[in-house]
Amino acid sequence: MGALLRLLIIGAIAWFIYTWLRRILQPPESAPPKTAQLMQKCAHCGVHIPEGESTQSQGQFFCCEDHRDRYLQSKS
């Protein structure tokens, strides 16, 4: 009976060491996904782009500075 108990204890210790090593040696998790951004429509060409990548002027959103400038010149 003592030999069986000794085997169970050794097996449990081996299992804990195995799981601990596996957890340590795993590659790091990838970066968390980016948060969602609102999509905005370019006031000049109509292309939808993420709000964080857009250029804003006078309450309007634009896909690039060139479109912003063209739009503001056409409204003047």
PDB file of N, CA and C in Angstrom:
ATOM      1  N   MET A   1       0.823  -1.194   0.000  1.00  0.00           N
ATOM      2  CA  MET A   1       0.000   0.000   0.000  1.00  0.00           C
ATOM      3  C   MET A   1       0.867   1.258   0.000  1.00  0.00           C
ATOM      4  N   GLY A   2       1.986   1.214   0.732  1.00  0.00           N
ATOM      5  CA  GLY A   2       2.878   2.363   0.786  1.00  0.00           C
ATOM      6  C   GLY A   2       3.515   2.651  -0.555  1.00  0.00           C
ATOM      7  N   ALA A   3       3.808   1.598  -1.344  1.00  0.00           N
ATOM      8  CA  ALA A   3       4.421   1.787  -2.663  1.00  0.00           C
ATOM      9  C   ALA A   3       3.449   2.461  -3.617  1.00  0.00           C
ATOM     10  N   LEU A   4       2.173   2.110  -3.517  1.00  0.00           N
ATOM     11  CA  LEU A   4       1.154   2.717  -4.369  1.00  0.00           C
ATOM     12  C   LEU A   4       0.982   4.193  -4.034  1.00  0.00           C
ATOM     13  N   LEU A   5       0.970   4.515  -2.766  1.00  0.00           N
ATOM     14  CA  LEU A   5       0.855   5.901  -2.338  1.00  0.00           C
ATOM     15  C   LEU A   5       2.061   6.716  -2.811  1.00  0.00           C
ATOM     16  N   ARG A   6       3.239   6.124  -2.719  1.00  0.00           N
ATOM     17  CA  ARG A   6       4.462   6.789  -3.177  1.00  0.00           C
ATOM     18  C   ARG A   6       4.388   7.058  -4.690  1.00  0.00           C
ATOM     19  N   LEU A   7       3.895   6.077  -5.472  1.00  0.00           N
ATOM     20  CA  LEU A   7       3.742   6.257  -6.915  1.00  0.00           C
ATOM     21  C   LEU A   7       2.740   7.372  -7.237  1.00  0.00           C
ATOM     22  N   LEU A   8       1.646   7.427  -6.507  1.00  0.00           N
ATOM     23  CA  LEU A   8       0.655   8.485  -6.721  1.00  0.00           C
ATOM     24  C   LEU A   8       1.234   9.861  -6.425  1.00  0.00           C
ATOM     25  N   ILE A   9       1.994   9.965  -5.356  1.00  0.00           N
ATOM     26  CA  ILE A   9       2.606  11.250  -5.002  1.00  0.00           C
ATOM     27  C   ILE A   9       3.630  11.659  -6.064  1.00  0.00           C
ATOM     28  N   ILE A  10       4.466  10.730  -6.493  1.00  0.00           N
ATOM     29  CA  ILE A  10       5.463  11.028  -7.528  1.00  0.00           C
ATOM     30  C   ILE A  10       4.764  11.405  -8.837  1.00  0.00           C
ATOM     31  N   GLY A  11       3.699  10.704  -9.172  1.00  0.00           N
ATOM     32  CA  GLY A  11       2.935  11.025 -10.384  1.00  0.00           C
ATOM     33  C   GLY A  11       2.320  12.414 -10.303  1.00  0.00           C
ATOM     34  N   ALA A  12       1.767  12.777  -9.141  1.00  0.00           N
ATOM     35  CA  ALA A  12       1.173  14.096  -8.972  1.00  0.00           C
ATOM     36  C   ALA A  12       2.234  15.187  -9.090  1.00  0.00           C
ATOM     37  N   ILE A  13       3.392  14.963  -8.481  1.00  0.00           N
ATOM     38  CA  ILE A  13       4.482  15.941  -8.570  1.00  0.00           C
ATOM     39  C   ILE A  13       4.948  16.082 -10.015  1.00  0.00           C
ATOM     40  N   ALA A  14       5.072  14.978 -10.718  1.00  0.00           N
ATOM     41  CA  ALA A  14       5.486  15.023 -12.130  1.00  0.00           C
ATOM     42  C   ALA A  14       4.460  15.769 -12.969  1.00  0.00           C
ATOM     43  N   TRP A  15       3.178  15.555 -12.715  1.00  0.00           N
ATOM     44  CA  TRP A  15       2.125  16.246 -13.464  1.00  0.00           C
ATOM     45  C   TRP A  15       2.174  17.746 -13.205  1.00  0.00           C
ATOM     46  N   PHE A  16       2.363  18.150 -11.946  1.00  0.00           N
ATOM     47  CA  PHE A  16       2.458  19.577 -11.628  1.00  0.00           C
ATOM     48  C   PHE A  16       3.667  20.214 -12.298  1.00  0.00           C
ATOM     49  N   ILE A  17       4.800  19.520 -12.293  1.00  0.00           N
ATOM     50  CA  ILE A  17       6.008  20.057 -12.945  1.00  0.00           C
ATOM     51  C   ILE A  17       5.781  20.171 -14.450  1.00  0.00           C
ATOM     52  N   TYR A  18       5.152  19.178 -15.055  1.00  0.00           N
ATOM     53  CA  TYR A  18       4.876  19.199 -16.487  1.00  0.00           C
ATOM     54  C   TYR A  18       3.970  20.374 -16.859  1.00  0.00           C
ATOM     55  N   THR A  19       2.873  20.565 -16.128  1.00  0.00           N
ATOM     56  CA  THR A  19       1.962  21.663 -16.455  1.00  0.00           C
ATOM     57  C   THR A  19       2.616  23.023 -16.197  1.00  0.00           C
ATOM     58  N   TRP A  20       3.412  23.124 -15.160  1.00  0.00           N
ATOM     59  CA  TRP A  20       4.105  24.372 -14.853  1.00  0.00           C
ATOM     60  C   TRP A  20       5.103  24.715 -15.962  1.00  0.00           C
ATOM     61  N   LEU A  21       5.896  23.721 -16.404  1.00  0.00           N
ATOM     62  CA  LEU A  21       6.857  23.954 -17.484  1.00  0.00           C
ATOM     63  C   LEU A  21       6.156  24.293 -18.793  1.00  0.00           C
ATOM     64  N   ARG A  22       5.065  23.617 -19.073  1.00  0.00           N
ATOM     65  CA  ARG A  22       4.325  23.888 -20.305  1.00  0.00           C
ATOM     66  C   ARG A  22       3.797  25.320 -20.316  1.00  0.00           C
ATOM     67  N   ARG A  23       3.312  25.778 -19.189  1.00  0.00           N
ATOM     68  CA  ARG A  23       2.796  27.138 -19.083  1.00  0.00           C
ATOM     69  C   ARG A  23       3.931  28.158 -19.257  1.00  0.00           C
ATOM     70  N   ILE A  24       5.095  27.884 -18.687  1.00  0.00           N
ATOM     71  CA  ILE A  24       6.224  28.800 -18.783  1.00  0.00           C
ATOM     72  C   ILE A  24       6.791  28.842 -20.201  1.00  0.00           C
ATOM     73  N   LEU A  25       6.863  27.683 -20.862  1.00  0.00           N
ATOM     74  CA  LEU A  25       7.492  27.604 -22.174  1.00  0.00           C
ATOM     75  C   LEU A  25       6.581  27.966 -23.330  1.00  0.00           C
ATOM     76  N   GLN A  26       5.302  28.212 -23.077  1.00  0.00           N
ATOM     77  CA  GLN A  26       4.396  28.607 -24.146  1.00  0.00           C
ATOM     78  C   GLN A  26       4.792  29.984 -24.652  1.00  0.00           C
ATOM     79  N   PRO A  27       4.680  30.215 -25.965  1.00  0.00           N
ATOM     80  CA  PRO A  27       4.975  31.551 -26.481  1.00  0.00           C
ATOM     81  C   PRO A  27       3.972  32.557 -25.908  1.00  0.00           C
ATOM     82  N   PRO A  28       4.396  33.808 -25.771  1.00  0.00           N
ATOM     83  CA  PRO A  28       3.474  34.804 -25.216  1.00  0.00           C
ATOM     84  C   PRO A  28       2.256  34.973 -26.110  1.00  0.00           C
ATOM     85  N   GLU A  29       1.155  35.305 -25.485  1.00  0.00           N
ATOM     86  CA  GLU A  29      -0.076  35.498 -26.244  1.00  0.00           C
ATOM     87  C   GLU A  29       0.064  36.722 -27.124  1.00  0.00           C
ATOM     88  N   SER A  30      -0.647  36.701 -28.226  1.00  0.00           N
ATOM     89  CA  SER A  30      -0.599  37.847 -29.136  1.00  0.00           C
ATOM     90  C   SER A  30      -1.250  39.055 -28.473  1.00  0.00           C
ATOM     91  N   ALA A  31      -0.976  40.198 -29.026  1.00  0.00           N
ATOM     92  CA  ALA A  31      -1.526  41.437 -28.481  1.00  0.00           C
ATOM     93  C   ALA A  31      -3.047  41.393 -28.545  1.00  0.00           C
ATOM     94  N   PRO A  32      -3.697  42.017 -27.601  1.00  0.00           N
ATOM     95  CA  PRO A  32      -5.163  42.024 -27.633  1.00  0.00           C
ATOM     96  C   PRO A  32      -5.663  42.737 -28.887  1.00  0.00           C
ATOM     97  N   PRO A  33      -6.793  42.332 -29.386  1.00  0.00           N
ATOM     98  CA  PRO A  33      -7.300  42.963 -30.606  1.00  0.00           C
ATOM     99  C   PRO A  33      -7.557  44.453 -30.395  1.00  0.00           C
ATOM    100  N   LYS A  34      -7.409  45.198 -31.469  1.00  0.00           N
ATOM    101  CA  LYS A  34      -7.650  46.636 -31.393  1.00  0.00           C
ATOM    102  C   LYS A  34      -9.127  46.884 -31.127  1.00  0.00           C
ATOM    103  N   THR A  35      -9.396  47.967 -30.471  1.00  0.00           N
ATOM    104  CA  THR A  35     -10.786  48.301 -30.211  1.00  0.00           C
ATOM    105  C   THR A  35     -11.430  48.789 -31.505  1.00  0.00           C
ATOM    106  N   ALA A  36     -12.683  48.559 -31.610  1.00  0.00           N
ATOM    107  CA  ALA A  36     -13.412  48.962 -32.809  1.00  0.00           C
ATOM    108  C   ALA A  36     -13.489  50.479 -32.887  1.00  0.00           C
ATOM    109  N   GLN A  37     -13.436  50.992 -34.096  1.00  0.00           N
ATOM    110  CA  GLN A  37     -13.554  52.429 -34.325  1.00  0.00           C
ATOM    111  C   GLN A  37     -14.756  52.680 -35.216  1.00  0.00           C
ATOM    112  N   LEU A  38     -15.333  53.829 -35.055  1.00  0.00           N
ATOM    113  CA  LEU A  38     -16.430  54.228 -35.924  1.00  0.00           C
ATOM    114  C   LEU A  38     -15.894  54.480 -37.325  1.00  0.00           C
ATOM    115  N   MET A  39     -16.676  54.129 -38.307  1.00  0.00           N
ATOM    116  CA  MET A  39     -16.308  54.403 -39.693  1.00  0.00           C
ATOM    117  C   MET A  39     -16.947  55.728 -40.094  1.00  0.00           C
ATOM    118  N   GLN A  40     -16.164  56.561 -40.758  1.00  0.00           N
ATOM    119  CA  GLN A  40     -16.660  57.854 -41.209  1.00  0.00           C
ATOM    120  C   GLN A  40     -16.540  57.942 -42.720  1.00  0.00           C
ATOM    121  N   LYS A  41     -17.444  58.665 -43.326  1.00  0.00           N
ATOM    122  CA  LYS A  41     -17.471  58.824 -44.773  1.00  0.00           C
ATOM    123  C   LYS A  41     -16.727  60.096 -45.145  1.00  0.00           C
ATOM    124  N   CYS A  42     -15.808  59.992 -46.109  1.00  0.00           N
ATOM    125  CA  CYS A  42     -15.079  61.162 -46.586  1.00  0.00           C
ATOM    126  C   CYS A  42     -16.078  62.097 -47.249  1.00  0.00           C
ATOM    127  N   ALA A  43     -16.063  63.359 -46.846  1.00  0.00           N
ATOM    128  CA  ALA A  43     -17.011  64.339 -47.388  1.00  0.00           C
ATOM    129  C   ALA A  43     -16.729  64.641 -48.854  1.00  0.00           C
ATOM    130  N   HIS A  44     -15.527  64.338 -49.337  1.00  0.00           N
ATOM    131  CA  HIS A  44     -15.169  64.642 -50.730  1.00  0.00           C
ATOM    132  C   HIS A  44     -15.455  63.474 -51.663  1.00  0.00           C
ATOM    133  N   CYS A  45     -14.943  62.281 -51.336  1.00  0.00           N
ATOM    134  CA  CYS A  45     -15.064  61.152 -52.272  1.00  0.00           C
ATOM    135  C   CYS A  45     -16.043  60.075 -51.818  1.00  0.00           C
ATOM    136  N   GLY A  46     -16.448  60.078 -50.541  1.00  0.00           N
ATOM    137  CA  GLY A  46     -17.426  59.113 -50.053  1.00  0.00           C
ATOM    138  C   GLY A  46     -16.852  57.807 -49.539  1.00  0.00           C
ATOM    139  N   VAL A  47     -15.540  57.656 -49.544  1.00  0.00           N
ATOM    140  CA  VAL A  47     -14.914  56.435 -49.036  1.00  0.00           C
ATOM    141  C   VAL A  47     -15.074  56.380 -47.524  1.00  0.00           C
ATOM    142  N   HIS A  48     -15.380  55.201 -46.980  1.00  0.00           N
ATOM    143  CA  HIS A  48     -15.498  55.030 -45.537  1.00  0.00           C
ATOM    144  C   HIS A  48     -14.142  54.628 -44.967  1.00  0.00           C
ATOM    145  N   ILE A  49     -13.727  55.321 -43.917  1.00  0.00           N
ATOM    146  CA  ILE A  49     -12.445  55.062 -43.263  1.00  0.00           C
ATOM    147  C   ILE A  49     -12.639  55.097 -41.753  1.00  0.00           C
ATOM    148  N   PRO A  50     -11.769  54.403 -40.983  1.00  0.00           N
ATOM    149  CA  PRO A  50     -11.872  54.464 -39.524  1.00  0.00           C
ATOM    150  C   PRO A  50     -11.672  55.905 -39.038  1.00  0.00           C
ATOM    151  N   GLU A  51     -12.419  56.280 -38.042  1.00  0.00           N
ATOM    152  CA  GLU A  51     -12.365  57.646 -37.533  1.00  0.00           C
ATOM    153  C   GLU A  51     -10.951  58.034 -37.087  1.00  0.00           C
ATOM    154  N   GLY A  52     -10.204  57.105 -36.528  1.00  0.00           N
ATOM    155  CA  GLY A  52      -8.859  57.394 -36.062  1.00  0.00           C
ATOM    156  C   GLY A  52      -7.867  57.662 -37.179  1.00  0.00           C
ATOM    157  N   GLU A  53      -8.179  57.222 -38.383  1.00  0.00           N
ATOM    158  CA  GLU A  53      -7.284  57.432 -39.526  1.00  0.00           C
ATOM    159  C   GLU A  53      -7.735  58.596 -40.397  1.00  0.00           C
ATOM    160  N   SER A  54      -8.837  59.219 -40.044  1.00  0.00           N
ATOM    161  CA  SER A  54      -9.374  60.298 -40.871  1.00  0.00           C
ATOM    162  C   SER A  54      -8.787  61.654 -40.484  1.00  0.00           C
ATOM    163  N   THR A  55      -8.941  62.602 -41.390  1.00  0.00           N
ATOM    164  CA  THR A  55      -8.591  63.993 -41.141  1.00  0.00           C
ATOM    165  C   THR A  55      -9.911  64.730 -40.962  1.00  0.00           C
ATOM    166  N   GLN A  56      -9.969  65.607 -39.962  1.00  0.00           N
ATOM    167  CA  GLN A  56     -11.216  66.313 -39.678  1.00  0.00           C
ATOM    168  C   GLN A  56     -11.024  67.811 -39.836  1.00  0.00           C
ATOM    169  N   SER A  57     -12.066  68.445 -40.335  1.00  0.00           N
ATOM    170  CA  SER A  57     -12.062  69.900 -40.443  1.00  0.00           C
ATOM    171  C   SER A  57     -13.497  70.373 -40.532  1.00  0.00           C
ATOM    172  N   GLN A  58     -13.833  71.376 -39.744  1.00  0.00           N
ATOM    173  CA  GLN A  58     -15.161  71.992 -39.732  1.00  0.00           C
ATOM    174  C   GLN A  58     -16.277  70.948 -39.593  1.00  0.00           C
ATOM    175  N   GLY A  59     -16.056  69.973 -38.752  1.00  0.00           N
ATOM    176  CA  GLY A  59     -17.075  68.959 -38.486  1.00  0.00           C
ATOM    177  C   GLY A  59     -17.214  67.902 -39.569  1.00  0.00           C
ATOM    178  N   GLN A  60     -16.370  67.930 -40.583  1.00  0.00           N
ATOM    179  CA  GLN A  60     -16.401  66.949 -41.664  1.00  0.00           C
ATOM    180  C   GLN A  60     -15.207  66.011 -41.541  1.00  0.00           C
ATOM    181  N   PHE A  61     -15.351  64.816 -42.090  1.00  0.00           N
ATOM    182  CA  PHE A  61     -14.274  63.829 -42.086  1.00  0.00           C
ATOM    183  C   PHE A  61     -13.769  63.645 -43.510  1.00  0.00           C
ATOM    184  N   PHE A  62     -12.449  63.432 -43.632  1.00  0.00           N
ATOM    185  CA  PHE A  62     -11.831  63.262 -44.937  1.00  0.00           C
ATOM    186  C   PHE A  62     -10.834  62.106 -44.882  1.00  0.00           C
ATOM    187  N   CYS A  63     -10.645  61.431 -46.020  1.00  0.00           N
ATOM    188  CA  CYS A  63      -9.723  60.296 -46.057  1.00  0.00           C
ATOM    189  C   CYS A  63      -8.273  60.744 -46.153  1.00  0.00           C
ATOM    190  N   CYS A  64      -8.027  61.957 -46.613  1.00  0.00           N
ATOM    191  CA  CYS A  64      -6.658  62.475 -46.706  1.00  0.00           C
ATOM    192  C   CYS A  64      -6.699  64.006 -46.689  1.00  0.00           C
ATOM    193  N   GLU A  65      -5.552  64.596 -46.499  1.00  0.00           N
ATOM    194  CA  GLU A  65      -5.472  66.058 -46.435  1.00  0.00           C
ATOM    195  C   GLU A  65      -5.783  66.700 -47.784  1.00  0.00           C
ATOM    196  N   ASP A  66      -5.408  66.034 -48.877  1.00  0.00           N
ATOM    197  CA  ASP A  66      -5.694  66.557 -50.212  1.00  0.00           C
ATOM    198  C   ASP A  66      -7.195  66.696 -50.425  1.00  0.00           C
ATOM    199  N   HIS A  67      -7.972  65.683 -50.023  1.00  0.00           N
ATOM    200  CA  HIS A  67      -9.429  65.755 -50.178  1.00  0.00           C
ATOM    201  C   HIS A  67     -10.020  66.828 -49.268  1.00  0.00           C
ATOM    202  N   ARG A  68      -9.441  66.978 -48.087  1.00  0.00           N
ATOM    203  CA  ARG A  68      -9.901  68.041 -47.196  1.00  0.00           C
ATOM    204  C   ARG A  68      -9.713  69.399 -47.863  1.00  0.00           C
ATOM    205  N   ASP A  69      -8.518  69.628 -48.418  1.00  0.00           N
ATOM    206  CA  ASP A  69      -8.222  70.908 -49.055  1.00  0.00           C
ATOM    207  C   ASP A  69      -9.111  71.155 -50.264  1.00  0.00           C
ATOM    208  N   ARG A  70      -9.308  70.135 -51.092  1.00  0.00           N
ATOM    209  CA  ARG A  70     -10.172  70.280 -52.285  1.00  0.00           C
ATOM    210  C   ARG A  70     -11.614  70.589 -51.870  1.00  0.00           C
ATOM    211  N   TYR A  71     -12.085  69.891 -50.848  1.00  0.00           N
ATOM    212  CA  TYR A  71     -13.465  70.096 -50.407  1.00  0.00           C
ATOM    213  C   TYR A  71     -13.651  71.515 -49.876  1.00  0.00           C
ATOM    214  N   LEU A  72     -12.713  71.977 -49.065  1.00  0.00           N
ATOM    215  CA  LEU A  72     -12.835  73.316 -48.490  1.00  0.00           C
ATOM    216  C   LEU A  72     -12.690  74.386 -49.571  1.00  0.00           C
ATOM    217  N   GLN A  73     -11.878  74.163 -50.604  1.00  0.00           N
ATOM    218  CA  GLN A  73     -11.756  75.129 -51.703  1.00  0.00           C
ATOM    219  C   GLN A  73     -13.033  75.180 -52.516  1.00  0.00           C
ATOM    220  N   SER A  74     -13.689  74.035 -52.725  1.00  0.00           N
ATOM    221  CA  SER A  74     -14.925  74.018 -53.514  1.00  0.00           C
ATOM    222  C   SER A  74     -16.068  74.673 -52.766  1.00  0.00           C
ATOM    223  N   LYS A  75     -16.020  74.705 -51.451  1.00  0.00           N
ATOM    224  CA  LYS A  75     -17.084  75.321 -50.648  1.00  0.00           C
ATOM    225  C   LYS A  75     -16.867  76.815 -50.451  1.00  0.00           C
ATOM    226  N   SER A  76     -15.678  77.314 -50.822  1.00  0.00           N
ATOM    227  CA  SER A  76     -15.391  78.750 -50.630  1.00  0.00           C
ATOM    228  C   SER A  76     -15.924  79.585 -51.755  1.00  0.00           C
TER     229      SER A  76
END
